[in-house]
Amino acid sequence: MHPDSKPLTDAQRQKLCKMLHHALVDLRMLGYAKNSEQASDLADAFHNLPNELWQKDFSLSFFRDAFIAPYQKKYTGQVIRNYIAMVDEIIAMKD
């Protein structure tokens, strides 16, 4: 378990769902551009989120550091959105 693991608030879940929506739109755009490797990596970064955001021991910092940050680092200058900043905003939300 990670030090910040805890159940998410409804507001945090709503923000994560909005972020997932953006990721799905970005996947579509990457598909149109025939960037299959990047699309696959983006899908890999987000594929566990729908199940994990309901867990009692969800860690936003682990999600950011283990899944989102490697994607953004690999595609520096090519990402459509700054997902790290989005997660940081969610982390900063008050309980």
PDB file of N, CA and C in Angstrom:
ATOM      1  N   MET A   1       0.853  -1.183   0.000  1.00  0.00           N
ATOM      2  CA  MET A   1       0.000   0.000   0.000  1.00  0.00           C
ATOM      3  C   MET A   1       0.894   1.240   0.000  1.00  0.00           C
ATOM      4  N   HIS A   2       0.460   2.261  -0.684  1.00  0.00           N
ATOM      5  CA  HIS A   2       1.216   3.498  -0.810  1.00  0.00           C
ATOM      6  C   HIS A   2       0.793   4.479   0.286  1.00  0.00           C
ATOM      7  N   PRO A   3       1.681   5.368   0.689  1.00  0.00           N
ATOM      8  CA  PRO A   3       1.376   6.274   1.803  1.00  0.00           C
ATOM      9  C   PRO A   3       0.123   7.133   1.606  1.00  0.00           C
ATOM     10  N   ASP A   4      -0.193   7.479   0.374  1.00  0.00           N
ATOM     11  CA  ASP A   4      -1.372   8.327   0.142  1.00  0.00           C
ATOM     12  C   ASP A   4      -2.609   7.526  -0.272  1.00  0.00           C
ATOM     13  N   SER A   5      -2.555   6.210  -0.139  1.00  0.00           N
ATOM     14  CA  SER A   5      -3.693   5.364  -0.530  1.00  0.00           C
ATOM     15  C   SER A   5      -4.900   5.673   0.347  1.00  0.00           C
ATOM     16  N   LYS A   6      -6.023   5.917  -0.312  1.00  0.00           N
ATOM     17  CA  LYS A   6      -7.271   6.188   0.413  1.00  0.00           C
ATOM     18  C   LYS A   6      -8.418   6.189  -0.589  1.00  0.00           C
ATOM     19  N   PRO A   7      -9.629   6.063  -0.095  1.00  0.00           N
ATOM     20  CA  PRO A   7     -10.771   6.180  -1.011  1.00  0.00           C
ATOM     21  C   PRO A   7     -10.824   7.596  -1.593  1.00  0.00           C
ATOM     22  N   LEU A   8     -11.224   7.687  -2.831  1.00  0.00           N
ATOM     23  CA  LEU A   8     -11.346   8.990  -3.479  1.00  0.00           C
ATOM     24  C   LEU A   8     -12.689   9.630  -3.137  1.00  0.00           C
ATOM     25  N   THR A   9     -12.718  10.938  -3.211  1.00  0.00           N
ATOM     26  CA  THR A   9     -13.980  11.645  -3.046  1.00  0.00           C
ATOM     27  C   THR A   9     -14.750  11.579  -4.361  1.00  0.00           C
ATOM     28  N   ASP A  10     -16.025  11.883  -4.305  1.00  0.00           N
ATOM     29  CA  ASP A  10     -16.818  11.926  -5.541  1.00  0.00           C
ATOM     30  C   ASP A  10     -16.264  12.962  -6.506  1.00  0.00           C
ATOM     31  N   ALA A  11     -15.819  14.096  -5.978  1.00  0.00           N
ATOM     32  CA  ALA A  11     -15.266  15.150  -6.837  1.00  0.00           C
ATOM     33  C   ALA A  11     -13.981  14.676  -7.520  1.00  0.00           C
ATOM     34  N   GLN A  12     -13.146  13.934  -6.808  1.00  0.00           N
ATOM     35  CA  GLN A  12     -11.929  13.401  -7.411  1.00  0.00           C
ATOM     36  C   GLN A  12     -12.268  12.379  -8.490  1.00  0.00           C
ATOM     37  N   ARG A  13     -13.254  11.539  -8.216  1.00  0.00           N
ATOM     38  CA  ARG A  13     -13.667  10.552  -9.226  1.00  0.00           C
ATOM     39  C   ARG A  13     -14.211  11.240 -10.469  1.00  0.00           C
ATOM     40  N   GLN A  14     -14.967  12.301 -10.278  1.00  0.00           N
ATOM     41  CA  GLN A  14     -15.502  13.038 -11.434  1.00  0.00           C
ATOM     42  C   GLN A  14     -14.369  13.600 -12.277  1.00  0.00           C
ATOM     43  N   LYS A  15     -13.346  14.151 -11.627  1.00  0.00           N
ATOM     44  CA  LYS A  15     -12.195  14.699 -12.363  1.00  0.00           C
ATOM     45  C   LYS A  15     -11.432  13.583 -13.087  1.00  0.00           C
ATOM     46  N   LEU A  16     -11.273  12.434 -12.442  1.00  0.00           N
ATOM     47  CA  LEU A  16     -10.592  11.316 -13.091  1.00  0.00           C
ATOM     48  C   LEU A  16     -11.388  10.803 -14.283  1.00  0.00           C
ATOM     49  N   CYS A  17     -12.705  10.783 -14.168  1.00  0.00           N
ATOM     50  CA  CYS A  17     -13.540  10.358 -15.305  1.00  0.00           C
ATOM     51  C   CYS A  17     -13.420  11.357 -16.452  1.00  0.00           C
ATOM     52  N   LYS A  18     -13.350  12.635 -16.142  1.00  0.00           N
ATOM     53  CA  LYS A  18     -13.157  13.648 -17.184  1.00  0.00           C
ATOM     54  C   LYS A  18     -11.788  13.457 -17.842  1.00  0.00           C
ATOM     55  N   MET A  19     -10.783  13.137 -17.034  1.00  0.00           N
ATOM     56  CA  MET A  19      -9.453  12.888 -17.566  1.00  0.00           C
ATOM     57  C   MET A  19      -9.460  11.658 -18.477  1.00  0.00           C
ATOM     58  N   LEU A  20     -10.157  10.614 -18.074  1.00  0.00           N
ATOM     59  CA  LEU A  20     -10.288   9.419 -18.912  1.00  0.00           C
ATOM     60  C   LEU A  20     -11.002   9.755 -20.216  1.00  0.00           C
ATOM     61  N   HIS A  21     -12.005  10.599 -20.145  1.00  0.00           N
ATOM     62  CA  HIS A  21     -12.693  11.053 -21.359  1.00  0.00           C
ATOM     63  C   HIS A  21     -11.687  11.715 -22.313  1.00  0.00           C
ATOM     64  N   HIS A  22     -10.853  12.602 -21.778  1.00  0.00           N
ATOM     65  CA  HIS A  22      -9.832  13.265 -22.608  1.00  0.00           C
ATOM     66  C   HIS A  22      -8.873  12.234 -23.213  1.00  0.00           C
ATOM     67  N   ALA A  23      -8.496  11.231 -22.419  1.00  0.00           N
ATOM     68  CA  ALA A  23      -7.584  10.197 -22.926  1.00  0.00           C
ATOM     69  C   ALA A  23      -8.227   9.433 -24.075  1.00  0.00           C
ATOM     70  N   LEU A  24      -9.513   9.128 -23.967  1.00  0.00           N
ATOM     71  CA  LEU A  24     -10.195   8.412 -25.054  1.00  0.00           C
ATOM     72  C   LEU A  24     -10.276   9.266 -26.316  1.00  0.00           C
ATOM     73  N   VAL A  25     -10.517  10.549 -26.158  1.00  0.00           N
ATOM     74  CA  VAL A  25     -10.515  11.451 -27.318  1.00  0.00           C
ATOM     75  C   VAL A  25      -9.115  11.488 -27.930  1.00  0.00           C
ATOM     76  N   ASP A  26      -8.093  11.574 -27.077  1.00  0.00           N
ATOM     77  CA  ASP A  26      -6.717  11.586 -27.581  1.00  0.00           C
ATOM     78  C   ASP A  26      -6.374  10.279 -28.288  1.00  0.00           C
ATOM     79  N   LEU A  27      -6.866   9.168 -27.766  1.00  0.00           N
ATOM     80  CA  LEU A  27      -6.661   7.883 -28.448  1.00  0.00           C
ATOM     81  C   LEU A  27      -7.253   7.909 -29.851  1.00  0.00           C
ATOM     82  N   ARG A  28      -8.427   8.474 -29.968  1.00  0.00           N
ATOM     83  CA  ARG A  28      -9.061   8.576 -31.292  1.00  0.00           C
ATOM     84  C   ARG A  28      -8.199   9.424 -32.220  1.00  0.00           C
ATOM     85  N   MET A  29      -7.702  10.553 -31.710  1.00  0.00           N
ATOM     86  CA  MET A  29      -6.868  11.431 -32.539  1.00  0.00           C
ATOM     87  C   MET A  29      -5.559  10.738 -32.940  1.00  0.00           C
ATOM     88  N   LEU A  30      -4.970   9.992 -32.018  1.00  0.00           N
ATOM     89  CA  LEU A  30      -3.750   9.255 -32.342  1.00  0.00           C
ATOM     90  C   LEU A  30      -4.032   8.179 -33.387  1.00  0.00           C
ATOM     91  N   GLY A  31      -5.198   7.562 -33.308  1.00  0.00           N
ATOM     92  CA  GLY A  31      -5.579   6.575 -34.313  1.00  0.00           C
ATOM     93  C   GLY A  31      -5.730   7.192 -35.687  1.00  0.00           C
ATOM     94  N   TYR A  32      -6.393   8.348 -35.735  1.00  0.00           N
ATOM     95  CA  TYR A  32      -6.550   9.042 -37.023  1.00  0.00           C
ATOM     96  C   TYR A  32      -5.185   9.371 -37.633  1.00  0.00           C
ATOM     97  N   ALA A  33      -4.224   9.715 -36.752  1.00  0.00           N
ATOM     98  CA  ALA A  33      -2.889  10.085 -37.220  1.00  0.00           C
ATOM     99  C   ALA A  33      -1.990   8.867 -37.435  1.00  0.00           C
ATOM    100  N   LYS A  34      -2.536   7.685 -37.238  1.00  0.00           N
ATOM    101  CA  LYS A  34      -1.803   6.425 -37.410  1.00  0.00           C
ATOM    102  C   LYS A  34      -0.600   6.308 -36.474  1.00  0.00           C
ATOM    103  N   ASN A  35      -0.759   6.848 -35.261  1.00  0.00           N
ATOM    104  CA  ASN A  35       0.269   6.739 -34.219  1.00  0.00           C
ATOM    105  C   ASN A  35      -0.101   5.596 -33.277  1.00  0.00           C
ATOM    106  N   SER A  36      -0.036   4.383 -33.783  1.00  0.00           N
ATOM    107  CA  SER A  36      -0.524   3.233 -33.020  1.00  0.00           C
ATOM    108  C   SER A  36       0.306   2.945 -31.773  1.00  0.00           C
ATOM    109  N   GLU A  37       1.607   3.128 -31.824  1.00  0.00           N
ATOM    110  CA  GLU A  37       2.422   2.852 -30.642  1.00  0.00           C
ATOM    111  C   GLU A  37       2.078   3.824 -29.511  1.00  0.00           C
ATOM    112  N   GLN A  38       1.956   5.103 -29.844  1.00  0.00           N
ATOM    113  CA  GLN A  38       1.603   6.085 -28.818  1.00  0.00           C
ATOM    114  C   GLN A  38       0.190   5.833 -28.299  1.00  0.00           C
ATOM    115  N   ALA A  39      -0.725   5.484 -29.186  1.00  0.00           N
ATOM    116  CA  ALA A  39      -2.094   5.172 -28.758  1.00  0.00           C
ATOM    117  C   ALA A  39      -2.095   3.983 -27.815  1.00  0.00           C
ATOM    118  N   SER A  40      -1.317   2.975 -28.132  1.00  0.00           N
ATOM    119  CA  SER A  40      -1.226   1.802 -27.269  1.00  0.00           C
ATOM    120  C   SER A  40      -0.650   2.168 -25.908  1.00  0.00           C
ATOM    121  N   ASP A  41       0.364   3.003 -25.880  1.00  0.00           N
ATOM    122  CA  ASP A  41       0.972   3.413 -24.620  1.00  0.00           C
ATOM    123  C   ASP A  41       0.002   4.267 -23.788  1.00  0.00           C
ATOM    124  N   LEU A  42      -0.765   5.107 -24.439  1.00  0.00           N
ATOM    125  CA  LEU A  42      -1.762   5.903 -23.720  1.00  0.00           C
ATOM    126  C   LEU A  42      -2.846   4.999 -23.137  1.00  0.00           C
ATOM    127  N   ALA A  43      -3.293   4.035 -23.917  1.00  0.00           N
ATOM    128  CA  ALA A  43      -4.285   3.082 -23.416  1.00  0.00           C
ATOM    129  C   ALA A  43      -3.721   2.299 -22.241  1.00  0.00           C
ATOM    130  N   ASP A  44      -2.458   1.924 -22.326  1.00  0.00           N
ATOM    131  CA  ASP A  44      -1.817   1.198 -21.229  1.00  0.00           C
ATOM    132  C   ASP A  44      -1.771   2.046 -19.966  1.00  0.00           C
ATOM    133  N   ALA A  45      -1.536   3.334 -20.103  1.00  0.00           N
ATOM    134  CA  ALA A  45      -1.469   4.218 -18.942  1.00  0.00           C
ATOM    135  C   ALA A  45      -2.818   4.336 -18.225  1.00  0.00           C
ATOM    136  N   PHE A  46      -3.910   4.209 -18.961  1.00  0.00           N
ATOM    137  CA  PHE A  46      -5.235   4.458 -18.392  1.00  0.00           C
ATOM    138  C   PHE A  46      -6.105   3.219 -18.193  1.00  0.00           C
ATOM    139  N   HIS A  47      -5.716   2.066 -18.704  1.00  0.00           N
ATOM    140  CA  HIS A  47      -6.655   0.950 -18.755  1.00  0.00           C
ATOM    141  C   HIS A  47      -7.115   0.434 -17.391  1.00  0.00           C
ATOM    142  N   ASN A  48      -6.340   0.611 -16.349  1.00  0.00           N
ATOM    143  CA  ASN A  48      -6.762   0.152 -15.020  1.00  0.00           C
ATOM    144  C   ASN A  48      -7.603   1.176 -14.259  1.00  0.00           C
ATOM    145  N   LEU A  49      -7.614   2.401 -14.707  1.00  0.00           N
ATOM    146  CA  LEU A  49      -8.278   3.475 -13.962  1.00  0.00           C
ATOM    147  C   LEU A  49      -9.751   3.211 -13.664  1.00  0.00           C
ATOM    148  N   PRO A  50     -10.571   2.751 -14.603  1.00  0.00           N
ATOM    149  CA  PRO A  50     -11.996   2.563 -14.280  1.00  0.00           C
ATOM    150  C   PRO A  50     -12.247   1.634 -13.095  1.00  0.00           C
ATOM    151  N   ASN A  51     -11.434   0.610 -12.939  1.00  0.00           N
ATOM    152  CA  ASN A  51     -11.593  -0.284 -11.787  1.00  0.00           C
ATOM    153  C   ASN A  51     -10.927   0.271 -10.538  1.00  0.00           C
ATOM    154  N   GLU A  52      -9.751   0.829 -10.698  1.00  0.00           N
ATOM    155  CA  GLU A  52      -8.966   1.276  -9.545  1.00  0.00           C
ATOM    156  C   GLU A  52      -9.576   2.466  -8.812  1.00  0.00           C
ATOM    157  N   LEU A  53     -10.251   3.361  -9.514  1.00  0.00           N
ATOM    158  CA  LEU A  53     -10.752   4.557  -8.841  1.00  0.00           C
ATOM    159  C   LEU A  53     -11.844   4.258  -7.827  1.00  0.00           C
ATOM    160  N   TRP A  54     -12.324   3.026  -7.809  1.00  0.00           N
ATOM    161  CA  TRP A  54     -13.336   2.610  -6.818  1.00  0.00           C
ATOM    162  C   TRP A  54     -12.726   1.843  -5.655  1.00  0.00           C
ATOM    163  N   GLN A  55     -11.433   1.584  -5.695  1.00  0.00           N
ATOM    164  CA  GLN A  55     -10.775   0.836  -4.633  1.00  0.00           C
ATOM    165  C   GLN A  55     -10.564   1.711  -3.395  1.00  0.00           C
ATOM    166  N   LYS A  56     -10.585   1.101  -2.242  1.00  0.00           N
ATOM    167  CA  LYS A  56     -10.391   1.836  -0.985  1.00  0.00           C
ATOM    168  C   LYS A  56      -8.952   2.283  -0.781  1.00  0.00           C
ATOM    169  N   ASP A  57      -8.037   1.670  -1.511  1.00  0.00           N
ATOM    170  CA  ASP A  57      -6.619   1.992  -1.339  1.00  0.00           C
ATOM    171  C   ASP A  57      -5.996   2.559  -2.620  1.00  0.00           C
ATOM    172  N   PHE A  58      -6.740   3.389  -3.310  1.00  0.00           N
ATOM    173  CA  PHE A  58      -6.237   4.005  -4.541  1.00  0.00           C
ATOM    174  C   PHE A  58      -5.192   5.061  -4.199  1.00  0.00           C
ATOM    175  N   SER A  59      -4.119   5.090  -4.931  1.00  0.00           N
ATOM    176  CA  SER A  59      -3.059   6.079  -4.730  1.00  0.00           C
ATOM    177  C   SER A  59      -2.931   6.928  -5.988  1.00  0.00           C
ATOM    178  N   LEU A  60      -3.304   8.175  -5.870  1.00  0.00           N
ATOM    179  CA  LEU A  60      -3.180   9.089  -7.004  1.00  0.00           C
ATOM    180  C   LEU A  60      -1.718   9.297  -7.391  1.00  0.00           C
ATOM    181  N   SER A  61      -0.839   9.401  -6.394  1.00  0.00           N
ATOM    182  CA  SER A  61       0.577   9.619  -6.721  1.00  0.00           C
ATOM    183  C   SER A  61       1.178   8.391  -7.415  1.00  0.00           C
ATOM    184  N   PHE A  62       0.784   7.177  -7.006  1.00  0.00           N
ATOM    185  CA  PHE A  62       1.269   5.979  -7.690  1.00  0.00           C
ATOM    186  C   PHE A  62       0.744   5.933  -9.123  1.00  0.00           C
ATOM    187  N   PHE A  63      -0.522   6.243  -9.320  1.00  0.00           N
ATOM    188  CA  PHE A  63      -1.102   6.295 -10.661  1.00  0.00           C
ATOM    189  C   PHE A  63      -0.315   7.275 -11.536  1.00  0.00           C
ATOM    190  N   ARG A  64      -0.039   8.451 -10.978  1.00  0.00           N
ATOM    191  CA  ARG A  64       0.721   9.461 -11.731  1.00  0.00           C
ATOM    192  C   ARG A  64       2.126   8.969 -12.045  1.00  0.00           C
ATOM    193  N   ASP A  65       2.841   8.498 -11.019  1.00  0.00           N
ATOM    194  CA  ASP A  65       4.260   8.164 -11.179  1.00  0.00           C
ATOM    195  C   ASP A  65       4.509   6.872 -11.951  1.00  0.00           C
ATOM    196  N   ALA A  66       3.624   5.893 -11.792  1.00  0.00           N
ATOM    197  CA  ALA A  66       3.851   4.589 -12.417  1.00  0.00           C
ATOM    198  C   ALA A  66       3.260   4.466 -13.814  1.00  0.00           C
ATOM    199  N   PHE A  67       2.230   5.254 -14.107  1.00  0.00           N
ATOM    200  CA  PHE A  67       1.541   5.089 -15.387  1.00  0.00           C
ATOM    201  C   PHE A  67       1.556   6.349 -16.251  1.00  0.00           C
ATOM    202  N   ILE A  68       1.201   7.469 -15.677  1.00  0.00           N
ATOM    203  CA  ILE A  68       1.088   8.704 -16.469  1.00  0.00           C
ATOM    204  C   ILE A  68       2.460   9.299 -16.788  1.00  0.00           C
ATOM    205  N   ALA A  69       3.316   9.410 -15.789  1.00  0.00           N
ATOM    206  CA  ALA A  69       4.630  10.034 -16.006  1.00  0.00           C
ATOM    207  C   ALA A  69       5.470   9.287 -17.048  1.00  0.00           C
ATOM    208  N   PRO A  70       5.544   7.953 -17.011  1.00  0.00           N
ATOM    209  CA  PRO A  70       6.330   7.279 -18.064  1.00  0.00           C
ATOM    210  C   PRO A  70       5.791   7.542 -19.476  1.00  0.00           C
ATOM    211  N   TYR A  71       4.473   7.589 -19.603  1.00  0.00           N
ATOM    212  CA  TYR A  71       3.889   7.899 -20.914  1.00  0.00           C
ATOM    213  C   TYR A  71       4.317   9.292 -21.361  1.00  0.00           C
ATOM    214  N   GLN A  72       4.141  10.269 -20.484  1.00  0.00           N
ATOM    215  CA  GLN A  72       4.480  11.642 -20.874  1.00  0.00           C
ATOM    216  C   GLN A  72       5.973  11.813 -21.118  1.00  0.00           C
ATOM    217  N   LYS A  73       6.803  11.115 -20.346  1.00  0.00           N
ATOM    218  CA  LYS A  73       8.246  11.212 -20.565  1.00  0.00           C
ATOM    219  C   LYS A  73       8.628  10.634 -21.924  1.00  0.00           C
ATOM    220  N   LYS A  74       8.036   9.494 -22.260  1.00  0.00           N
ATOM    221  CA  LYS A  74       8.350   8.857 -23.543  1.00  0.00           C
ATOM    222  C   LYS A  74       7.938   9.741 -24.716  1.00  0.00           C
ATOM    223  N   TYR A  75       6.853  10.469 -24.575  1.00  0.00           N
ATOM    224  CA  TYR A  75       6.327  11.270 -25.685  1.00  0.00           C
ATOM    225  C   TYR A  75       6.431  12.773 -25.410  1.00  0.00           C
ATOM    226  N   THR A  76       7.512  13.177 -24.759  1.00  0.00           N
ATOM    227  CA  THR A  76       7.748  14.596 -24.488  1.00  0.00           C
ATOM    228  C   THR A  76       7.629  15.391 -25.789  1.00  0.00           C
ATOM    229  N   GLY A  77       6.837  16.423 -25.744  1.00  0.00           N
ATOM    230  CA  GLY A  77       6.637  17.254 -26.926  1.00  0.00           C
ATOM    231  C   GLY A  77       5.591  16.719 -27.881  1.00  0.00           C
ATOM    232  N   GLN A  78       5.069  15.520 -27.626  1.00  0.00           N
ATOM    233  CA  GLN A  78       4.088  14.915 -28.520  1.00  0.00           C
ATOM    234  C   GLN A  78       2.742  14.666 -27.843  1.00  0.00           C
ATOM    235  N   VAL A  79       2.681  14.886 -26.532  1.00  0.00           N
ATOM    236  CA  VAL A  79       1.422  14.614 -25.841  1.00  0.00           C
ATOM    237  C   VAL A  79       0.431  15.733 -26.127  1.00  0.00           C
ATOM    238  N   ILE A  80      -0.814  15.353 -26.217  1.00  0.00           N
ATOM    239  CA  ILE A  80      -1.875  16.303 -26.531  1.00  0.00           C
ATOM    240  C   ILE A  80      -2.271  17.081 -25.282  1.00  0.00           C
ATOM    241  N   ARG A  81      -2.251  16.404 -24.138  1.00  0.00           N
ATOM    242  CA  ARG A  81      -2.624  17.034 -22.867  1.00  0.00           C
ATOM    243  C   ARG A  81      -1.578  16.716 -21.807  1.00  0.00           C
ATOM    244  N   ASN A  82      -1.508  17.577 -20.807  1.00  0.00           N
ATOM    245  CA  ASN A  82      -0.600  17.357 -19.692  1.00  0.00           C
ATOM    246  C   ASN A  82      -1.350  16.593 -18.603  1.00  0.00           C
ATOM    247  N   TYR A  83      -1.308  15.283 -18.686  1.00  0.00           N
ATOM    248  CA  TYR A  83      -2.028  14.445 -17.728  1.00  0.00           C
ATOM    249  C   TYR A  83      -1.414  14.511 -16.336  1.00  0.00           C
ATOM    250  N   ILE A  84      -0.118  14.741 -16.248  1.00  0.00           N
ATOM    251  CA  ILE A  84       0.513  14.880 -14.934  1.00  0.00           C
ATOM    252  C   ILE A  84      -0.083  16.071 -14.199  1.00  0.00           C
ATOM    253  N   ALA A  85      -0.225  17.179 -14.884  1.00  0.00           N
ATOM    254  CA  ALA A  85      -0.820  18.368 -14.256  1.00  0.00           C
ATOM    255  C   ALA A  85      -2.261  18.098 -13.834  1.00  0.00           C
ATOM    256  N   MET A  86      -2.978  17.323 -14.632  1.00  0.00           N
ATOM    257  CA  MET A  86      -4.362  16.991 -14.283  1.00  0.00           C
ATOM    258  C   MET A  86      -4.413  16.165 -12.992  1.00  0.00           C
ATOM    259  N   VAL A  87      -3.532  15.168 -12.881  1.00  0.00           N
ATOM    260  CA  VAL A  87      -3.502  14.364 -11.663  1.00  0.00           C
ATOM    261  C   VAL A  87      -3.067  15.207 -10.471  1.00  0.00           C
ATOM    262  N   ASP A  88      -2.078  16.078 -10.674  1.00  0.00           N
ATOM    263  CA  ASP A  88      -1.639  16.946  -9.577  1.00  0.00           C
ATOM    264  C   ASP A  88      -2.773  17.840  -9.080  1.00  0.00           C
ATOM    265  N   GLU A  89      -3.597  18.300  -9.988  1.00  0.00           N
ATOM    266  CA  GLU A  89      -4.751  19.104  -9.601  1.00  0.00           C
ATOM    267  C   GLU A  89      -5.721  18.278  -8.744  1.00  0.00           C
ATOM    268  N   ILE A  90      -5.904  17.036  -9.119  1.00  0.00           N
ATOM    269  CA  ILE A  90      -6.798  16.144  -8.356  1.00  0.00           C
ATOM    270  C   ILE A  90      -6.203  15.850  -6.979  1.00  0.00           C
ATOM    271  N   ILE A  91      -4.901  15.629  -6.924  1.00  0.00           N
ATOM    272  CA  ILE A  91      -4.229  15.393  -5.636  1.00  0.00           C
ATOM    273  C   ILE A  91      -4.423  16.587  -4.709  1.00  0.00           C
ATOM    274  N   ALA A  92      -4.367  17.789  -5.277  1.00  0.00           N
ATOM    275  CA  ALA A  92      -4.450  19.011  -4.470  1.00  0.00           C
ATOM    276  C   ALA A  92      -5.876  19.305  -3.974  1.00  0.00           C
ATOM    277  N   MET A  93      -6.854  18.599  -4.487  1.00  0.00           N
ATOM    278  CA  MET A  93      -8.241  18.847  -4.058  1.00  0.00           C
ATOM    279  C   MET A  93      -8.404  18.506  -2.589  1.00  0.00           C
ATOM    280  N   LYS A  94      -9.185  19.295  -1.908  1.00  0.00           N
ATOM    281  CA  LYS A  94      -9.486  19.046  -0.480  1.00  0.00           C
ATOM    282  C   LYS A  94     -10.449  17.896  -0.366  1.00  0.00           C
ATOM    283  N   ASP A  95     -10.310  17.143   0.722  1.00  0.00           N
ATOM    284  CA  ASP A  95     -11.225  16.015   0.988  1.00  0.00           C
ATOM    285  C   ASP A  95     -12.617  16.505   1.308  1.00  0.00           C
TER     286      ASP A  95
END
